[in-house]
Amino acid sequence: MLYNSKHTIESRKSNQLNAMRYFIFLTQEGLTKTPDNADIDNLQVLGVVSGESEKLAFENLLKENDYLLNADYDEVVAMELVSEKQYFLNLKNA
């Protein structure tokens, strides 16, 4: 059997282009409280979703969280994540 390296490379490129990527969507708008009920300026997470691009992931975010369409958020930031792996850390034991 012949090994067609060009086909393999093209297949790999195609798979990489169509691979699902993970994005976290954030906003600086809105109010956030600390555990002791004090106001704090920080980012709010609107969701973590996958898509082939940030635009498609944003569409998926809105499909999964249609209430966002009626919220007063204007500016949303998308950041690509390396994976969906999560690590839980504790500030009290740092």
N, C-alpha and C. Protein backbone atom coordinates (compact mmCIF):
# COMPACT_ATOMS: atom_id res chain seq x y z
N MET A 1 0.84 -1.18 0.00
CA MET A 1 0.00 0.00 0.00
C MET A 1 0.88 1.24 0.00
N LEU A 2 0.56 2.20 -0.85
CA LEU A 2 1.34 3.43 -0.94
C LEU A 2 0.91 4.42 0.13
N TYR A 3 1.85 5.13 0.64
CA TYR A 3 1.59 6.15 1.66
C TYR A 3 1.58 7.50 0.96
N ASN A 4 0.48 8.19 0.97
CA ASN A 4 0.36 9.46 0.30
C ASN A 4 0.52 10.58 1.33
N SER A 5 1.73 11.09 1.46
CA SER A 5 1.99 12.09 2.50
C SER A 5 1.26 13.40 2.22
N LYS A 6 1.10 13.77 0.95
CA LYS A 6 0.39 15.01 0.65
C LYS A 6 -1.06 14.92 1.13
N HIS A 7 -1.71 13.78 0.89
CA HIS A 7 -3.09 13.60 1.34
C HIS A 7 -3.17 13.65 2.87
N THR A 8 -2.22 13.03 3.52
CA THR A 8 -2.19 13.01 4.98
C THR A 8 -2.03 14.42 5.54
N ILE A 9 -1.14 15.19 4.95
CA ILE A 9 -0.91 16.57 5.40
C ILE A 9 -2.16 17.40 5.18
N GLU A 10 -2.77 17.27 4.01
CA GLU A 10 -3.99 18.03 3.72
C GLU A 10 -5.12 17.62 4.65
N SER A 11 -5.26 16.32 4.94
CA SER A 11 -6.30 15.87 5.87
C SER A 11 -6.07 16.44 7.25
N ARG A 12 -4.82 16.46 7.68
CA ARG A 12 -4.49 17.00 9.00
C ARG A 12 -4.81 18.48 9.07
N LYS A 13 -4.46 19.23 8.01
CA LYS A 13 -4.78 20.66 7.98
C LYS A 13 -6.28 20.88 8.02
N SER A 14 -7.02 20.09 7.25
CA SER A 14 -8.48 20.22 7.23
C SER A 14 -9.06 19.91 8.59
N ASN A 15 -8.59 18.86 9.25
CA ASN A 15 -9.08 18.51 10.58
C ASN A 15 -8.77 19.60 11.59
N GLN A 16 -7.59 20.22 11.48
CA GLN A 16 -7.23 21.28 12.40
C GLN A 16 -8.11 22.51 12.19
N LEU A 17 -8.42 22.81 10.93
CA LEU A 17 -9.26 23.98 10.64
C LEU A 17 -10.68 23.78 11.15
N ASN A 18 -11.19 22.54 11.09
CA ASN A 18 -12.56 22.26 11.50
C ASN A 18 -12.66 21.82 12.95
N ALA A 19 -11.55 21.76 13.65
CA ALA A 19 -11.56 21.31 15.03
C ALA A 19 -12.27 22.33 15.91
N MET A 20 -13.00 21.81 16.89
CA MET A 20 -13.66 22.70 17.84
C MET A 20 -12.62 23.36 18.73
N ARG A 21 -12.80 24.63 18.92
CA ARG A 21 -11.93 25.41 19.79
C ARG A 21 -12.80 25.90 20.95
N TYR A 22 -12.16 26.18 22.07
CA TYR A 22 -12.88 26.60 23.27
C TYR A 22 -12.63 28.07 23.54
N PHE A 23 -13.70 28.78 23.89
CA PHE A 23 -13.62 30.21 24.16
C PHE A 23 -14.34 30.53 25.46
N ILE A 24 -13.79 31.50 26.17
CA ILE A 24 -14.48 32.06 27.33
C ILE A 24 -14.91 33.46 26.93
N PHE A 25 -16.15 33.80 27.24
CA PHE A 25 -16.70 35.12 26.91
C PHE A 25 -16.87 35.91 28.20
N LEU A 26 -16.31 37.13 28.20
CA LEU A 26 -16.26 37.98 29.39
C LEU A 26 -16.80 39.36 29.08
N THR A 27 -17.21 40.06 30.12
CA THR A 27 -17.58 41.47 29.99
C THR A 27 -17.10 42.22 31.23
N GLN A 28 -16.80 43.50 31.02
CA GLN A 28 -16.44 44.38 32.15
C GLN A 28 -17.67 45.10 32.68
N GLU A 29 -18.78 44.94 31.99
CA GLU A 29 -20.01 45.62 32.37
C GLU A 29 -20.74 44.85 33.46
N GLY A 30 -21.55 45.54 34.19
CA GLY A 30 -22.32 44.90 35.25
C GLY A 30 -21.66 45.06 36.60
N LEU A 31 -22.33 44.59 37.61
CA LEU A 31 -21.85 44.70 38.99
C LEU A 31 -21.49 43.33 39.54
N THR A 32 -20.47 43.33 40.37
CA THR A 32 -20.05 42.10 41.02
C THR A 32 -19.82 42.38 42.49
N LYS A 33 -20.13 41.42 43.33
CA LYS A 33 -19.95 41.55 44.79
C LYS A 33 -18.94 40.51 45.27
N THR A 34 -18.20 40.88 46.30
CA THR A 34 -17.31 39.94 46.97
C THR A 34 -18.15 39.08 47.91
N PRO A 35 -17.59 37.99 48.47
CA PRO A 35 -18.37 37.18 49.42
C PRO A 35 -18.88 37.96 50.62
N ASP A 36 -18.18 39.06 51.00
CA ASP A 36 -18.68 39.86 52.14
C ASP A 36 -19.54 41.03 51.67
N ASN A 37 -20.06 40.95 50.42
CA ASN A 37 -21.03 41.88 49.85
C ASN A 37 -20.49 43.26 49.50
N ALA A 38 -19.19 43.40 49.33
CA ALA A 38 -18.61 44.68 48.88
C ALA A 38 -18.57 44.69 47.35
N ASP A 39 -18.76 45.88 46.76
CA ASP A 39 -18.63 46.01 45.31
C ASP A 39 -17.18 45.80 44.89
N ILE A 40 -16.99 45.16 43.74
CA ILE A 40 -15.65 44.93 43.22
C ILE A 40 -15.67 45.09 41.70
N ASP A 41 -14.65 45.74 41.15
CA ASP A 41 -14.52 45.89 39.71
C ASP A 41 -13.74 44.70 39.17
N ASN A 42 -14.40 43.88 38.37
CA ASN A 42 -13.71 42.78 37.73
C ASN A 42 -14.51 42.33 36.52
N LEU A 43 -14.09 41.28 35.89
CA LEU A 43 -14.78 40.75 34.73
C LEU A 43 -15.86 39.76 35.15
N GLN A 44 -16.91 39.69 34.36
CA GLN A 44 -17.95 38.69 34.57
C GLN A 44 -17.87 37.67 33.44
N VAL A 45 -17.95 36.42 33.80
CA VAL A 45 -17.95 35.35 32.81
C VAL A 45 -19.37 35.17 32.30
N LEU A 46 -19.53 35.29 30.99
CA LEU A 46 -20.85 35.08 30.39
C LEU A 46 -21.02 33.63 29.96
N GLY A 47 -19.91 32.95 29.69
CA GLY A 47 -20.01 31.54 29.33
C GLY A 47 -18.73 31.02 28.73
N VAL A 48 -18.62 29.71 28.70
CA VAL A 48 -17.52 29.00 28.05
C VAL A 48 -18.15 28.05 27.05
N VAL A 49 -17.85 28.24 25.77
CA VAL A 49 -18.45 27.42 24.72
C VAL A 49 -17.41 27.08 23.67
N SER A 50 -17.76 26.13 22.80
CA SER A 50 -16.85 25.74 21.73
C SER A 50 -17.42 26.17 20.39
N GLY A 51 -16.53 26.25 19.42
CA GLY A 51 -16.90 26.58 18.06
C GLY A 51 -15.67 26.52 17.19
N GLU A 52 -15.87 26.49 15.88
CA GLU A 52 -14.74 26.44 14.96
C GLU A 52 -14.00 27.76 14.89
N SER A 53 -14.65 28.85 15.30
CA SER A 53 -14.04 30.18 15.34
C SER A 53 -14.69 30.94 16.48
N GLU A 54 -14.14 32.10 16.80
CA GLU A 54 -14.73 32.90 17.88
C GLU A 54 -16.14 33.36 17.50
N LYS A 55 -16.38 33.65 16.23
CA LYS A 55 -17.71 34.09 15.81
C LYS A 55 -18.74 32.96 15.94
N LEU A 56 -18.35 31.75 15.53
CA LEU A 56 -19.26 30.62 15.66
C LEU A 56 -19.47 30.25 17.12
N ALA A 57 -18.43 30.37 17.92
CA ALA A 57 -18.57 30.11 19.35
C ALA A 57 -19.50 31.15 19.98
N PHE A 58 -19.40 32.40 19.53
CA PHE A 58 -20.29 33.46 20.05
C PHE A 58 -21.74 33.15 19.69
N GLU A 59 -21.96 32.67 18.47
CA GLU A 59 -23.31 32.26 18.08
C GLU A 59 -23.82 31.14 18.98
N ASN A 60 -22.93 30.18 19.30
CA ASN A 60 -23.31 29.08 20.19
C ASN A 60 -23.62 29.61 21.59
N LEU A 61 -22.84 30.59 22.06
CA LEU A 61 -23.09 31.19 23.37
C LEU A 61 -24.50 31.77 23.42
N LEU A 62 -24.87 32.50 22.37
CA LEU A 62 -26.19 33.13 22.34
C LEU A 62 -27.31 32.11 22.21
N LYS A 63 -27.06 31.01 21.48
CA LYS A 63 -28.07 29.95 21.37
C LYS A 63 -28.30 29.29 22.72
N GLU A 64 -27.21 29.05 23.46
CA GLU A 64 -27.29 28.36 24.74
C GLU A 64 -27.75 29.28 25.87
N ASN A 65 -27.61 30.59 25.68
CA ASN A 65 -27.93 31.57 26.72
C ASN A 65 -28.68 32.74 26.10
N ASP A 66 -29.86 32.47 25.57
CA ASP A 66 -30.60 33.50 24.83
C ASP A 66 -30.99 34.70 25.68
N TYR A 67 -30.96 34.56 27.01
CA TYR A 67 -31.25 35.71 27.87
C TYR A 67 -30.24 36.84 27.65
N LEU A 68 -29.04 36.51 27.15
CA LEU A 68 -28.03 37.54 26.91
C LEU A 68 -28.48 38.56 25.87
N LEU A 69 -29.34 38.13 24.96
CA LEU A 69 -29.84 39.04 23.92
C LEU A 69 -30.68 40.17 24.53
N ASN A 70 -31.29 39.93 25.69
CA ASN A 70 -32.10 40.94 26.35
C ASN A 70 -31.37 41.63 27.50
N ALA A 71 -30.16 41.22 27.76
CA ALA A 71 -29.36 41.86 28.82
C ALA A 71 -28.77 43.16 28.27
N ASP A 72 -28.31 44.00 29.14
CA ASP A 72 -27.79 45.31 28.71
C ASP A 72 -26.29 45.30 28.42
N TYR A 73 -25.71 44.14 28.23
CA TYR A 73 -24.28 44.08 27.91
C TYR A 73 -24.05 44.57 26.49
N ASP A 74 -23.02 45.40 26.32
CA ASP A 74 -22.64 45.87 24.98
C ASP A 74 -21.38 45.17 24.50
N GLU A 75 -20.34 45.28 25.29
CA GLU A 75 -19.04 44.79 24.87
C GLU A 75 -18.73 43.44 25.50
N VAL A 76 -18.45 42.46 24.66
CA VAL A 76 -18.11 41.12 25.10
C VAL A 76 -16.74 40.77 24.54
N VAL A 77 -15.90 40.22 25.37
CA VAL A 77 -14.55 39.82 24.97
C VAL A 77 -14.50 38.31 24.88
N ALA A 78 -13.95 37.80 23.78
CA ALA A 78 -13.74 36.36 23.62
C ALA A 78 -12.25 36.08 23.78
N MET A 79 -11.93 35.09 24.60
CA MET A 79 -10.55 34.65 24.76
C MET A 79 -10.52 33.15 24.49
N GLU A 80 -9.58 32.73 23.62
CA GLU A 80 -9.48 31.32 23.31
C GLU A 80 -8.75 30.58 24.43
N LEU A 81 -9.30 29.42 24.78
CA LEU A 81 -8.72 28.59 25.82
C LEU A 81 -7.93 27.44 25.19
N VAL A 82 -6.93 26.98 25.88
CA VAL A 82 -6.13 25.86 25.39
C VAL A 82 -6.93 24.56 25.46
N SER A 83 -7.73 24.40 26.51
CA SER A 83 -8.55 23.20 26.68
C SER A 83 -9.68 23.52 27.64
N GLU A 84 -10.51 22.53 27.91
CA GLU A 84 -11.59 22.68 28.89
C GLU A 84 -11.15 22.21 30.26
N LYS A 85 -9.90 21.84 30.40
CA LYS A 85 -9.38 21.34 31.67
C LYS A 85 -9.51 22.43 32.73
N GLN A 86 -9.95 22.04 33.92
CA GLN A 86 -10.14 23.00 35.02
C GLN A 86 -9.25 22.62 36.19
N TYR A 87 -8.76 23.64 36.87
CA TYR A 87 -7.95 23.46 38.07
C TYR A 87 -8.59 24.29 39.17
N PHE A 88 -8.84 23.70 40.31
CA PHE A 88 -9.46 24.40 41.43
C PHE A 88 -8.39 24.71 42.46
N LEU A 89 -8.25 25.98 42.80
CA LEU A 89 -7.26 26.44 43.74
C LEU A 89 -7.96 27.16 44.89
N ASN A 90 -7.29 27.27 46.01
CA ASN A 90 -7.90 27.86 47.20
C ASN A 90 -7.04 29.03 47.66
N LEU A 91 -7.61 30.24 47.68
CA LEU A 91 -6.87 31.43 48.13
C LEU A 91 -6.53 31.36 49.61
N LYS A 92 -7.38 30.74 50.38
CA LYS A 92 -7.14 30.68 51.84
C LYS A 92 -5.90 29.86 52.19
N ASN A 93 -5.55 28.90 51.32
CA ASN A 93 -4.39 28.04 51.59
C ASN A 93 -3.17 28.43 50.76
N ALA A 94 -3.21 29.59 50.13
CA ALA A 94 -2.09 30.01 49.26
C ALA A 94 -0.86 30.40 50.07
